C-alpha cells in the first residue's frame, strides 16, 4: 500500500514519512514530491497541498488532513471530488486547544497585558477584575475542540455561552444555534473565542458588525482560521476601544508577514499557529490508525463531510 505525504516543509515531510512508515509496516510511505509511480498511490496525507497535487494520483482511496480542519484540502481547485477526506483529531490535540483557550481567556480576564505594561513602567498597579462567574465568555463553534474548550471555561467558573450552526447541549454552557441565535449569543459578551470551521458562511464572520454586538471593551481570541477575521475591522475596533485586546493564532497568510501591523500593535498578542499544533509522534498514531481502519473497511469516525466543509 502506497502513501504520499505533503507538508510545505520538506524536512517535516520526511519526519512524518519516517514516523508513519514505522507505524504502518509493509506500507510504502514517501514524500509526494518524490513519487513517480503515481498509479500506485492509494492514500495522501497532506497539509496545505498545492493546487493539482492530489489530481496526479488516479487511484486515491482517501485523503488525510494533517489537522482537524479540511478547508486547506478543499481550497485545491483541482481536488478529486469523490475521494473521502479524513480529519486528524484526538485527545492530545483537544487537550492542547483546551490549554490554549484557558490560558488566553484567563490572560484577558485578569488583564495581564496591562499588568505586564505596569511592570515595565515600575507601576504598582493593582487591577481588580470581576470573579469568573460574573464574566461573560463565549465560544463560537462547538465541534470536538470548541465543545471541550467551552466545558473547560465553564469548569473554571465563567458564565459560558456556546454558538454553533446546529443546536448542541453542553453541561454548564448556555447554547445558541443558527443565524437567529447569534445576536443573543453575542449580546454583552466580554471575551469571545472563535473555533468555527472555515466555510463559505463563516468566512469573514469576525467583522465590525459582529464586534459592535459585543460588550464595549471586549476581547477576541481567534484560534480557528485567519480567514474568519476581517483584519482592518479588528484594527478599527481596537482604535475605537470597542475591542480592548485580541489574541490571534491564525492569519490570512502564514507565516504572518514581517510588515503586518498585528506584530507591533500594543493590544494584539500574536502566536504562530500553535494553539493545537500537531506533531508527527501524536498525529502519526492517529493517522495510521485511521488508514488501517479505512483499508480494512471498518468505520472511520473522523471522516469529514466535504459538502459542509468540516
C-alpha atoms as a PDB file:
ATOM      1  CA  UNK A   1       0.000   0.000   0.000  1.00  0.00           C
ATOM      2  CA  UNK A   2       1.479   3.357  -1.054  1.00  0.00           C
ATOM      3  CA  UNK A   3       1.032   6.661   0.830  1.00  0.00           C
ATOM      4  CA  UNK A   4       2.066  10.103  -0.431  1.00  0.00           C
ATOM      5  CA  UNK A   5       2.847  12.759   2.198  1.00  0.00           C
ATOM      6  CA  UNK A   6       2.966  16.520   1.659  1.00  0.00           C
ATOM      7  CA  UNK A   7       3.679  19.395   4.024  1.00  0.00           C
ATOM      8  CA  UNK A   8       5.123  22.721   2.797  1.00  0.00           C
ATOM      9  CA  UNK A   9       8.407  21.991   4.635  1.00  0.00           C
ATOM     10  CA  UNK A  10      10.235  19.036   3.044  1.00  0.00           C
ATOM     11  CA  UNK A  11      12.177  18.207   6.218  1.00  0.00           C
ATOM     12  CA  UNK A  12       8.947  17.998   8.201  1.00  0.00           C
ATOM     13  CA  UNK A  13       7.505  15.868   5.413  1.00  0.00           C
ATOM     14  CA  UNK A  14      10.380  13.394   5.767  1.00  0.00           C
ATOM     15  CA  UNK A  15       9.857  13.338   9.541  1.00  0.00           C
ATOM     16  CA  UNK A  16       6.219  12.411   9.029  1.00  0.00           C
ATOM     17  CA  UNK A  17       7.164   9.779   6.454  1.00  0.00           C
ATOM     18  CA  UNK A  18       9.586   8.086   8.853  1.00  0.00           C
ATOM     19  CA  UNK A  19       7.025   8.092  11.669  1.00  0.00           C
ATOM     20  CA  UNK A  20       4.191   6.756   9.511  1.00  0.00           C
ATOM     21  CA  UNK A  21       6.424   4.097   7.951  1.00  0.00           C
ATOM     22  CA  UNK A  22       7.216   2.747  11.427  1.00  0.00           C
ATOM     23  CA  UNK A  23       3.512   2.662  12.312  1.00  0.00           C
ATOM     24  CA  UNK A  24       2.440   1.101   9.006  1.00  0.00           C
ATOM     25  CA  UNK A  25       4.756  -1.887   8.462  1.00  0.00           C
ATOM     26  CA  UNK A  26       4.566  -3.188   4.933  1.00  0.00           C
ATOM     27  CA  UNK A  27       3.246   0.127   3.561  1.00  0.00           C
ATOM     28  CA  UNK A  28       5.286   2.431   1.331  1.00  0.00           C
ATOM     29  CA  UNK A  29       5.309   5.996   2.721  1.00  0.00           C
ATOM     30  CA  UNK A  30       7.119   8.645   0.668  1.00  0.00           C
ATOM     31  CA  UNK A  31       7.119  12.419   0.121  1.00  0.00           C
ATOM     32  CA  UNK A  32       4.538  13.340  -2.502  1.00  0.00           C
ATOM     33  CA  UNK A  33       7.072  15.385  -4.474  1.00  0.00           C
ATOM     34  CA  UNK A  34       9.325  12.345  -4.928  1.00  0.00           C
ATOM     35  CA  UNK A  35       6.724   9.874  -6.192  1.00  0.00           C
ATOM     36  CA  UNK A  36       6.950   8.929  -9.873  1.00  0.00           C
ATOM     37  CA  UNK A  37       4.748   5.799  -9.989  1.00  0.00           C
ATOM     38  CA  UNK A  38       1.539   7.755  -9.445  1.00  0.00           C
ATOM     39  CA  UNK A  39      -0.862   4.889 -10.143  1.00  0.00           C
ATOM     40  CA  UNK A  40       0.302   3.017  -7.038  1.00  0.00           C
ATOM     41  CA  UNK A  41      -0.648   5.748  -4.548  1.00  0.00           C
ATOM     42  CA  UNK A  42      -3.766   4.826  -2.564  1.00  0.00           C
ATOM     43  CA  UNK A  43      -3.651   7.462   0.194  1.00  0.00           C
ATOM     44  CA  UNK A  44      -2.413  11.043   0.536  1.00  0.00           C
ATOM     45  CA  UNK A  45      -1.565  12.666   3.873  1.00  0.00           C
ATOM     46  CA  UNK A  46      -1.408  16.431   3.382  1.00  0.00           C
ATOM     47  CA  UNK A  47      -1.313  19.879   4.925  1.00  0.00           C
ATOM     48  CA  UNK A  48      -1.858  22.829   2.575  1.00  0.00           C
ATOM     49  CA  UNK A  49      -1.095  20.852  -0.553  1.00  0.00           C
ATOM     50  CA  UNK A  50      -0.580  22.762  -3.771  1.00  0.00           C
ATOM     51  CA  UNK A  51      -3.275  23.016  -6.425  1.00  0.00           C
ATOM     52  CA  UNK A  52      -3.202  19.889  -8.583  1.00  0.00           C
ATOM     53  CA  UNK A  53      -1.050  17.798  -6.240  1.00  0.00           C
ATOM     54  CA  UNK A  54      -3.780  15.276  -5.487  1.00  0.00           C
ATOM     55  CA  UNK A  55      -5.161  15.172  -9.029  1.00  0.00           C
ATOM     56  CA  UNK A  56      -1.863  13.498 -10.012  1.00  0.00           C
ATOM     57  CA  UNK A  57      -2.956  10.254  -8.375  1.00  0.00           C
ATOM     58  CA  UNK A  58      -5.751   8.471 -10.264  1.00  0.00           C
ATOM     59  CA  UNK A  59      -6.267   5.671  -7.716  1.00  0.00           C
ATOM     60  CA  UNK A  60      -6.633   7.619  -4.465  1.00  0.00           C
ATOM     61  CA  UNK A  61      -8.872   5.898  -1.921  1.00  0.00           C
ATOM     62  CA  UNK A  62      -8.785   8.659   0.694  1.00  0.00           C
ATOM     63  CA  UNK A  63      -7.124  11.967   1.603  1.00  0.00           C
ATOM     64  CA  UNK A  64      -5.974  12.637   5.168  1.00  0.00           C
ATOM     65  CA  UNK A  65      -5.786  16.186   6.524  1.00  0.00           C
ATOM     66  CA  UNK A  66      -2.915  16.689   8.973  1.00  0.00           C
ATOM     67  CA  UNK A  67      -5.223  18.565  11.316  1.00  0.00           C
ATOM     68  CA  UNK A  68      -8.846  18.932  12.335  1.00  0.00           C
ATOM     69  CA  UNK A  69      -9.756  21.317   9.513  1.00  0.00           C
ATOM     70  CA  UNK A  70     -10.210  20.381   5.870  1.00  0.00           C
ATOM     71  CA  UNK A  71     -10.506  23.867   4.378  1.00  0.00           C
ATOM     72  CA  UNK A  72      -6.900  23.716   3.154  1.00  0.00           C
ATOM     73  CA  UNK A  73      -7.711  20.495   1.266  1.00  0.00           C
ATOM     74  CA  UNK A  74     -10.896  21.912  -0.250  1.00  0.00           C
ATOM     75  CA  UNK A  75      -9.007  25.023  -1.405  1.00  0.00           C
ATOM     76  CA  UNK A  76      -7.452  22.891  -4.191  1.00  0.00           C
ATOM     77  CA  UNK A  77      -9.379  23.835  -7.341  1.00  0.00           C
ATOM     78  CA  UNK A  78      -8.397  20.502  -8.941  1.00  0.00           C
ATOM     79  CA  UNK A  79      -9.311  18.338  -5.957  1.00  0.00           C
ATOM     80  CA  UNK A  80     -10.768  14.925  -6.943  1.00  0.00           C
ATOM     81  CA  UNK A  81     -14.329  15.499  -5.783  1.00  0.00           C
ATOM     82  CA  UNK A  82     -15.340  11.953  -4.899  1.00  0.00           C
ATOM     83  CA  UNK A  83     -12.387  10.984  -2.703  1.00  0.00           C
ATOM     84  CA  UNK A  84     -13.230  10.772   1.043  1.00  0.00           C
ATOM     85  CA  UNK A  85     -11.382  13.142   3.381  1.00  0.00           C
ATOM     86  CA  UNK A  86     -10.306  12.067   6.871  1.00  0.00           C
ATOM     87  CA  UNK A  87      -9.635  14.649   9.582  1.00  0.00           C
ATOM     88  CA  UNK A  88      -6.972  14.189  12.261  1.00  0.00           C
ATOM     89  CA  UNK A  89      -8.379  14.748  15.744  1.00  0.00           C
ATOM     90  CA  UNK A  90      -7.630  13.165  19.084  1.00  0.00           C
ATOM     91  CA  UNK A  91      -7.327  13.627  22.818  1.00  0.00           C
ATOM     92  CA  UNK A  92      -3.856  15.212  22.670  1.00  0.00           C
ATOM     93  CA  UNK A  93      -4.953  17.841  20.161  1.00  0.00           C
ATOM     94  CA  UNK A  94      -8.097  18.596  22.132  1.00  0.00           C
ATOM     95  CA  UNK A  95      -6.082  18.955  25.334  1.00  0.00           C
ATOM     96  CA  UNK A  96      -3.712  21.406  23.679  1.00  0.00           C
ATOM     97  CA  UNK A  97      -6.598  23.553  22.494  1.00  0.00           C
ATOM     98  CA  UNK A  98      -8.201  23.469  25.947  1.00  0.00           C
ATOM     99  CA  UNK A  99      -4.919  24.690  27.432  1.00  0.00           C
ATOM    100  CA  UNK A 100      -4.526  27.476  24.877  1.00  0.00           C
ATOM    101  CA  UNK A 101      -8.074  28.752  25.256  1.00  0.00           C
ATOM    102  CA  UNK A 102      -7.955  28.620  29.068  1.00  0.00           C
ATOM    103  CA  UNK A 103      -4.582  30.406  29.106  1.00  0.00           C
ATOM    104  CA  UNK A 104      -5.671  33.307  26.928  1.00  0.00           C
ATOM    105  CA  UNK A 105      -9.159  33.689  28.349  1.00  0.00           C
ATOM    106  CA  UNK A 106      -7.554  33.943  31.797  1.00  0.00           C
ATOM    107  CA  UNK A 107      -4.966  36.409  30.461  1.00  0.00           C
ATOM    108  CA  UNK A 108      -7.694  38.699  29.189  1.00  0.00           C
ATOM    109  CA  UNK A 109      -9.925  38.115  32.205  1.00  0.00           C
ATOM    110  CA  UNK A 110      -7.144  39.167  34.622  1.00  0.00           C
ATOM    111  CA  UNK A 111      -5.942  41.918  32.219  1.00  0.00           C
ATOM    112  CA  UNK A 112      -2.406  40.553  32.127  1.00  0.00           C
ATOM    113  CA  UNK A 113      -1.329  42.713  29.167  1.00  0.00           C
ATOM    114  CA  UNK A 114      -1.986  45.813  31.306  1.00  0.00           C
ATOM    115  CA  UNK A 115      -0.299  44.195  34.306  1.00  0.00           C
ATOM    116  CA  UNK A 116       2.827  43.464  32.255  1.00  0.00           C
ATOM    117  CA  UNK A 117       2.819  47.040  30.991  1.00  0.00           C
ATOM    118  CA  UNK A 118       2.653  48.235  34.598  1.00  0.00           C
ATOM    119  CA  UNK A 119       5.655  46.074  35.479  1.00  0.00           C
ATOM    120  CA  UNK A 120       7.646  47.541  32.596  1.00  0.00           C
ATOM    121  CA  UNK A 121       6.763  51.024  33.885  1.00  0.00           C
ATOM    122  CA  UNK A 122       7.577  50.085  37.525  1.00  0.00           C
ATOM    123  CA  UNK A 123       3.972  50.981  38.323  1.00  0.00           C
ATOM    124  CA  UNK A 124       2.383  49.281  41.362  1.00  0.00           C
ATOM    125  CA  UNK A 125      -0.925  48.943  39.518  1.00  0.00           C
ATOM    126  CA  UNK A 126      -3.347  46.618  41.307  1.00  0.00           C
ATOM    127  CA  UNK A 127      -6.024  45.614  38.816  1.00  0.00           C
ATOM    128  CA  UNK A 128      -9.327  44.420  40.248  1.00  0.00           C
ATOM    129  CA  UNK A 129     -11.453  42.285  37.930  1.00  0.00           C
ATOM    130  CA  UNK A 130     -14.811  40.511  38.351  1.00  0.00           C
ATOM    131  CA  UNK A 131     -14.783  36.922  39.542  1.00  0.00           C
ATOM    132  CA  UNK A 132     -15.202  34.406  36.739  1.00  0.00           C
ATOM    133  CA  UNK A 133     -18.967  33.782  37.251  1.00  0.00           C
ATOM    134  CA  UNK A 134     -19.514  37.484  36.534  1.00  0.00           C
ATOM    135  CA  UNK A 135     -17.527  37.383  33.293  1.00  0.00           C
ATOM    136  CA  UNK A 136     -19.461  36.523  30.115  1.00  0.00           C
ATOM    137  CA  UNK A 137     -17.345  34.332  27.825  1.00  0.00           C
ATOM    138  CA  UNK A 138     -18.492  32.784  24.535  1.00  0.00           C
ATOM    139  CA  UNK A 139     -17.169  30.067  22.226  1.00  0.00           C
ATOM    140  CA  UNK A 140     -18.161  30.104  18.554  1.00  0.00           C
ATOM    141  CA  UNK A 141     -18.060  26.591  17.128  1.00  0.00           C
ATOM    142  CA  UNK A 142     -18.977  23.588  19.243  1.00  0.00           C
ATOM    143  CA  UNK A 143     -17.287  20.738  17.416  1.00  0.00           C
ATOM    144  CA  UNK A 144     -14.739  18.482  19.129  1.00  0.00           C
ATOM    145  CA  UNK A 145     -12.387  21.334  20.029  1.00  0.00           C
ATOM    146  CA  UNK A 146     -14.979  24.007  20.711  1.00  0.00           C
ATOM    147  CA  UNK A 147     -17.171  21.869  22.948  1.00  0.00           C
ATOM    148  CA  UNK A 148     -14.206  20.875  25.114  1.00  0.00           C
ATOM    149  CA  UNK A 149     -12.998  24.466  25.275  1.00  0.00           C
ATOM    150  CA  UNK A 150     -16.456  25.578  26.429  1.00  0.00           C
ATOM    151  CA  UNK A 151     -16.569  22.843  29.087  1.00  0.00           C
ATOM    152  CA  UNK A 152     -13.142  23.918  30.326  1.00  0.00           C
ATOM    153  CA  UNK A 153     -14.199  27.559  30.649  1.00  0.00           C
ATOM    154  CA  UNK A 154     -17.399  26.575  32.427  1.00  0.00           C
ATOM    155  CA  UNK A 155     -15.311  24.430  34.768  1.00  0.00           C
ATOM    156  CA  UNK A 156     -13.231  27.495  35.618  1.00  0.00           C
ATOM    157  CA  UNK A 157     -16.429  29.206  36.667  1.00  0.00           C
ATOM    158  CA  UNK A 158     -17.013  31.570  33.747  1.00  0.00           C
ATOM    159  CA  UNK A 159     -20.534  32.430  32.623  1.00  0.00           C
ATOM    160  CA  UNK A 160     -20.023  30.447  29.426  1.00  0.00           C
ATOM    161  CA  UNK A 161     -22.029  30.546  26.201  1.00  0.00           C
ATOM    162  CA  UNK A 162     -21.645  28.484  23.059  1.00  0.00           C
ATOM    163  CA  UNK A 163     -22.852  29.030  19.498  1.00  0.00           C
ATOM    164  CA  UNK A 164     -22.965  26.585  16.605  1.00  0.00           C
ATOM    165  CA  UNK A 165     -24.716  26.015  13.317  1.00  0.00           C
ATOM    166  CA  UNK A 166     -26.939  23.327  14.807  1.00  0.00           C
ATOM    167  CA  UNK A 167     -28.273  23.070  18.360  1.00  0.00           C
ATOM    168  CA  UNK A 168     -25.937  21.462  20.906  1.00  0.00           C
ATOM    169  CA  UNK A 169     -26.344  20.716  24.623  1.00  0.00           C
ATOM    170  CA  UNK A 170     -23.296  21.055  26.919  1.00  0.00           C
ATOM    171  CA  UNK A 171     -23.498  20.858  30.696  1.00  0.00           C
ATOM    172  CA  UNK A 172     -22.800  24.225  32.308  1.00  0.00           C
ATOM    173  CA  UNK A 173     -22.887  26.095  28.976  1.00  0.00           C
ATOM    174  CA  UNK A 174     -25.748  28.222  27.670  1.00  0.00           C
ATOM    175  CA  UNK A 175     -26.002  27.284  23.996  1.00  0.00           C
ATOM    176  CA  UNK A 176     -27.365  29.084  20.957  1.00  0.00           C
ATOM    177  CA  UNK A 177     -27.722  27.941  17.355  1.00  0.00           C
ATOM    178  CA  UNK A 178     -28.101  29.251  13.839  1.00  0.00           C
ATOM    179  CA  UNK A 179     -28.329  32.750  12.460  1.00  0.00           C
ATOM    180  CA  UNK A 180     -31.346  33.503  14.644  1.00  0.00           C
ATOM    181  CA  UNK A 181     -29.417  32.632  17.808  1.00  0.00           C
ATOM    182  CA  UNK A 182     -26.277  34.623  17.020  1.00  0.00           C
ATOM    183  CA  UNK A 183     -27.387  38.079  18.287  1.00  0.00           C
ATOM    184  CA  UNK A 184     -28.447  36.701  21.683  1.00  0.00           C
ATOM    185  CA  UNK A 185     -25.181  34.760  21.937  1.00  0.00           C
ATOM    186  CA  UNK A 186     -23.085  37.861  21.215  1.00  0.00           C
ATOM    187  CA  UNK A 187     -25.057  40.310  23.332  1.00  0.00           C
ATOM    188  CA  UNK A 188     -22.881  41.539  26.199  1.00  0.00           C
ATOM    189  CA  UNK A 189     -20.054  39.028  25.685  1.00  0.00           C
ATOM    190  CA  UNK A 190     -16.804  40.232  27.218  1.00  0.00           C
ATOM    191  CA  UNK A 191     -14.467  37.574  25.826  1.00  0.00           C
ATOM    192  CA  UNK A 192     -15.131  35.831  22.504  1.00  0.00           C
ATOM    193  CA  UNK A 193     -13.297  32.669  21.394  1.00  0.00           C
ATOM    194  CA  UNK A 194     -13.584  31.593  17.750  1.00  0.00           C
ATOM    195  CA  UNK A 195     -13.291  27.871  16.987  1.00  0.00           C
ATOM    196  CA  UNK A 196     -15.581  27.686  13.972  1.00  0.00           C
ATOM    197  CA  UNK A 197     -14.775  25.593  10.905  1.00  0.00           C
ATOM    198  CA  UNK A 198     -13.963  27.722   7.871  1.00  0.00           C
ATOM    199  CA  UNK A 199     -16.801  27.577   5.344  1.00  0.00           C
ATOM    200  CA  UNK A 200     -18.360  29.987   2.859  1.00  0.00           C
ATOM    201  CA  UNK A 201     -20.802  31.018   5.594  1.00  0.00           C
ATOM    202  CA  UNK A 202     -18.155  31.670   8.266  1.00  0.00           C
ATOM    203  CA  UNK A 203     -15.513  33.424   6.152  1.00  0.00           C
ATOM    204  CA  UNK A 204     -15.182  36.991   7.421  1.00  0.00           C
ATOM    205  CA  UNK A 205     -17.591  36.416  10.312  1.00  0.00           C
ATOM    206  CA  UNK A 206     -15.320  38.296  12.740  1.00  0.00           C
ATOM    207  CA  UNK A 207     -16.078  41.734  11.345  1.00  0.00           C
ATOM    208  CA  UNK A 208     -17.093  45.188  12.503  1.00  0.00           C
ATOM    209  CA  UNK A 209     -20.782  44.329  12.662  1.00  0.00           C
ATOM    210  CA  UNK A 210     -20.096  41.380  14.959  1.00  0.00           C
ATOM    211  CA  UNK A 211     -17.679  43.349  17.155  1.00  0.00           C
ATOM    212  CA  UNK A 212     -20.339  46.029  17.645  1.00  0.00           C
ATOM    213  CA  UNK A 213     -22.640  43.452  19.278  1.00  0.00           C
ATOM    214  CA  UNK A 214     -20.118  42.563  21.980  1.00  0.00           C
ATOM    215  CA  UNK A 215     -19.763  44.419  25.264  1.00  0.00           C
ATOM    216  CA  UNK A 216     -17.705  47.613  24.894  1.00  0.00           C
ATOM    217  CA  UNK A 217     -14.048  46.806  25.575  1.00  0.00           C
ATOM    218  CA  UNK A 218     -14.458  43.092  24.779  1.00  0.00           C
ATOM    219  CA  UNK A 219     -11.544  40.774  23.988  1.00  0.00           C
ATOM    220  CA  UNK A 220     -11.323  38.454  20.981  1.00  0.00           C
ATOM    221  CA  UNK A 221      -9.393  35.194  20.644  1.00  0.00           C
ATOM    222  CA  UNK A 222      -9.134  33.631  17.180  1.00  0.00           C
ATOM    223  CA  UNK A 223      -7.623  30.152  17.081  1.00  0.00           C
ATOM    224  CA  UNK A 224      -9.626  28.730  14.157  1.00  0.00           C
ATOM    225  CA  UNK A 225      -8.649  30.185  10.743  1.00  0.00           C
ATOM    226  CA  UNK A 226      -7.256  33.529   9.659  1.00  0.00           C
ATOM    227  CA  UNK A 227      -9.960  33.977   7.018  1.00  0.00           C
ATOM    228  CA  UNK A 228     -12.595  34.198   9.758  1.00  0.00           C
ATOM    229  CA  UNK A 229     -11.236  37.636  10.651  1.00  0.00           C
ATOM    230  CA  UNK A 230     -11.528  40.896   8.735  1.00  0.00           C
ATOM    231  CA  UNK A 231      -8.174  42.353   9.719  1.00  0.00           C
ATOM    232  CA  UNK A 232      -8.996  46.002   9.066  1.00  0.00           C
ATOM    233  CA  UNK A 233     -12.234  45.742  11.052  1.00  0.00           C
ATOM    234  CA  UNK A 234     -10.318  44.453  14.078  1.00  0.00           C
ATOM    235  CA  UNK A 235      -7.797  47.287  13.845  1.00  0.00           C
ATOM    236  CA  UNK A 236     -10.648  49.807  13.594  1.00  0.00           C
ATOM    237  CA  UNK A 237     -12.454  48.283  16.588  1.00  0.00           C
ATOM    238  CA  UNK A 238      -9.238  48.426  18.626  1.00  0.00           C
ATOM    239  CA  UNK A 239      -8.836  52.071  17.658  1.00  0.00           C
ATOM    240  CA  UNK A 240     -12.314  52.975  18.947  1.00  0.00           C
ATOM    241  CA  UNK A 241     -11.980  50.832  22.077  1.00  0.00           C
ATOM    242  CA  UNK A 242     -14.927  48.590  21.174  1.00  0.00           C
ATOM    243  CA  UNK A 243     -12.340  45.786  21.276  1.00  0.00           C
ATOM    244  CA  UNK A 244      -9.800  46.139  24.071  1.00  0.00           C
ATOM    245  CA  UNK A 245      -7.411  43.278  23.307  1.00  0.00           C
ATOM    246  CA  UNK A 246      -7.053  40.403  20.862  1.00  0.00           C
ATOM    247  CA  UNK A 247      -5.106  37.152  20.773  1.00  0.00           C
ATOM    248  CA  UNK A 248      -4.565  35.787  17.271  1.00  0.00           C
ATOM    249  CA  UNK A 249      -3.102  32.378  16.455  1.00  0.00           C
ATOM    250  CA  UNK A 250      -4.143  32.158  12.793  1.00  0.00           C
ATOM    251  CA  UNK A 251      -3.792  34.525   9.855  1.00  0.00           C
ATOM    252  CA  UNK A 252      -4.746  35.016   6.203  1.00  0.00           C
ATOM    253  CA  UNK A 253      -1.135  34.479   5.196  1.00  0.00           C
ATOM    254  CA  UNK A 254       1.173  32.267   7.252  1.00  0.00           C
ATOM    255  CA  UNK A 255       3.841  32.922   8.355  1.00  0.00           C
ATOM    256  CA  UNK A 256       2.479  36.367   9.178  1.00  0.00           C
ATOM    257  CA  UNK A 257       4.415  38.881   7.011  1.00  0.00           C
ATOM    258  CA  UNK A 258       7.032  40.842   8.942  1.00  0.00           C
ATOM    259  CA  UNK A 259       5.456  44.174   7.988  1.00  0.00           C
ATOM    260  CA  UNK A 260       1.926  43.263   9.135  1.00  0.00           C
ATOM    261  CA  UNK A 261       0.574  45.708  11.744  1.00  0.00           C
ATOM    262  CA  UNK A 262      -0.525  42.877  14.043  1.00  0.00           C
ATOM    263  CA  UNK A 263       3.111  42.242  15.027  1.00  0.00           C
ATOM    264  CA  UNK A 264       3.572  45.609  16.700  1.00  0.00           C
ATOM    265  CA  UNK A 265       0.057  46.535  17.832  1.00  0.00           C
ATOM    266  CA  UNK A 266       0.141  47.019  21.614  1.00  0.00           C
ATOM    267  CA  UNK A 267      -3.274  45.392  22.115  1.00  0.00           C
ATOM    268  CA  UNK A 268      -2.655  42.285  19.994  1.00  0.00           C
ATOM    269  CA  UNK A 269      -0.915  39.080  21.059  1.00  0.00           C
ATOM    270  CA  UNK A 270       0.385  37.052  18.096  1.00  0.00           C
ATOM    271  CA  UNK A 271       1.135  33.326  18.366  1.00  0.00           C
ATOM    272  CA  UNK A 272       2.398  31.318  15.347  1.00  0.00           C
ATOM    273  CA  UNK A 273      -0.472  28.831  14.776  1.00  0.00           C
ATOM    274  CA  UNK A 274       0.409  26.744  17.829  1.00  0.00           C
ATOM    275  CA  UNK A 275      -2.901  26.531  19.718  1.00  0.00           C
ATOM    276  CA  UNK A 276      -3.343  22.856  18.906  1.00  0.00           C
ATOM    277  CA  UNK A 277      -0.169  22.142  16.990  1.00  0.00           C
ATOM    278  CA  UNK A 278       0.143  18.586  15.784  1.00  0.00           C
ATOM    279  CA  UNK A 279       3.407  16.642  15.766  1.00  0.00           C
ATOM    280  CA  UNK A 280       4.400  13.502  13.906  1.00  0.00           C
ATOM    281  CA  UNK A 281       4.529  11.343  17.043  1.00  0.00           C
ATOM    282  CA  UNK A 282       0.983  12.202  18.129  1.00  0.00           C
ATOM    283  CA  UNK A 283      -0.563  12.731  14.720  1.00  0.00           C
ATOM    284  CA  UNK A 284       1.159   9.722  13.213  1.00  0.00           C
ATOM    285  CA  UNK A 285      -0.579   7.331  15.597  1.00  0.00           C
ATOM    286  CA  UNK A 286      -3.976   8.860  14.807  1.00  0.00           C
ATOM    287  CA  UNK A 287      -3.413   8.884  11.061  1.00  0.00           C
ATOM    288  CA  UNK A 288      -2.020   5.346  10.939  1.00  0.00           C
ATOM    289  CA  UNK A 289      -4.988   4.024  12.904  1.00  0.00           C
ATOM    290  CA  UNK A 290      -7.469   5.760  10.583  1.00  0.00           C
ATOM    291  CA  UNK A 291      -5.698   4.486   7.469  1.00  0.00           C
ATOM    292  CA  UNK A 292      -5.708   0.928   8.773  1.00  0.00           C
ATOM    293  CA  UNK A 293      -9.419   1.171   9.614  1.00  0.00           C
ATOM    294  CA  UNK A 294     -10.231   2.599   6.198  1.00  0.00           C
ATOM    295  CA  UNK A 295      -8.185  -0.014   4.343  1.00  0.00           C
ATOM    296  CA  UNK A 296      -9.887  -2.786   6.352  1.00  0.00           C
ATOM    297  CA  UNK A 297     -13.324  -1.419   5.507  1.00  0.00           C
ATOM    298  CA  UNK A 298     -14.033  -0.516   9.132  1.00  0.00           C
ATOM    299  CA  UNK A 299     -15.868   2.665  10.238  1.00  0.00           C
ATOM    300  CA  UNK A 300     -13.639   5.748  10.464  1.00  0.00           C
ATOM    301  CA  UNK A 301     -15.121   8.201  12.972  1.00  0.00           C
ATOM    302  CA  UNK A 302     -13.056  11.116  11.678  1.00  0.00           C
ATOM    303  CA  UNK A 303     -14.459  11.146   8.132  1.00  0.00           C
ATOM    304  CA  UNK A 304     -15.253  14.722   7.110  1.00  0.00           C
ATOM    305  CA  UNK A 305     -18.278  15.997   5.224  1.00  0.00           C
ATOM    306  CA  UNK A 306     -16.829  17.886   2.274  1.00  0.00           C
ATOM    307  CA  UNK A 307     -20.226  19.382   1.407  1.00  0.00           C
ATOM    308  CA  UNK A 308     -20.384  21.055   4.826  1.00  0.00           C
ATOM    309  CA  UNK A 309     -16.697  21.923   4.814  1.00  0.00           C
ATOM    310  CA  UNK A 310     -15.771  20.080   8.026  1.00  0.00           C
END
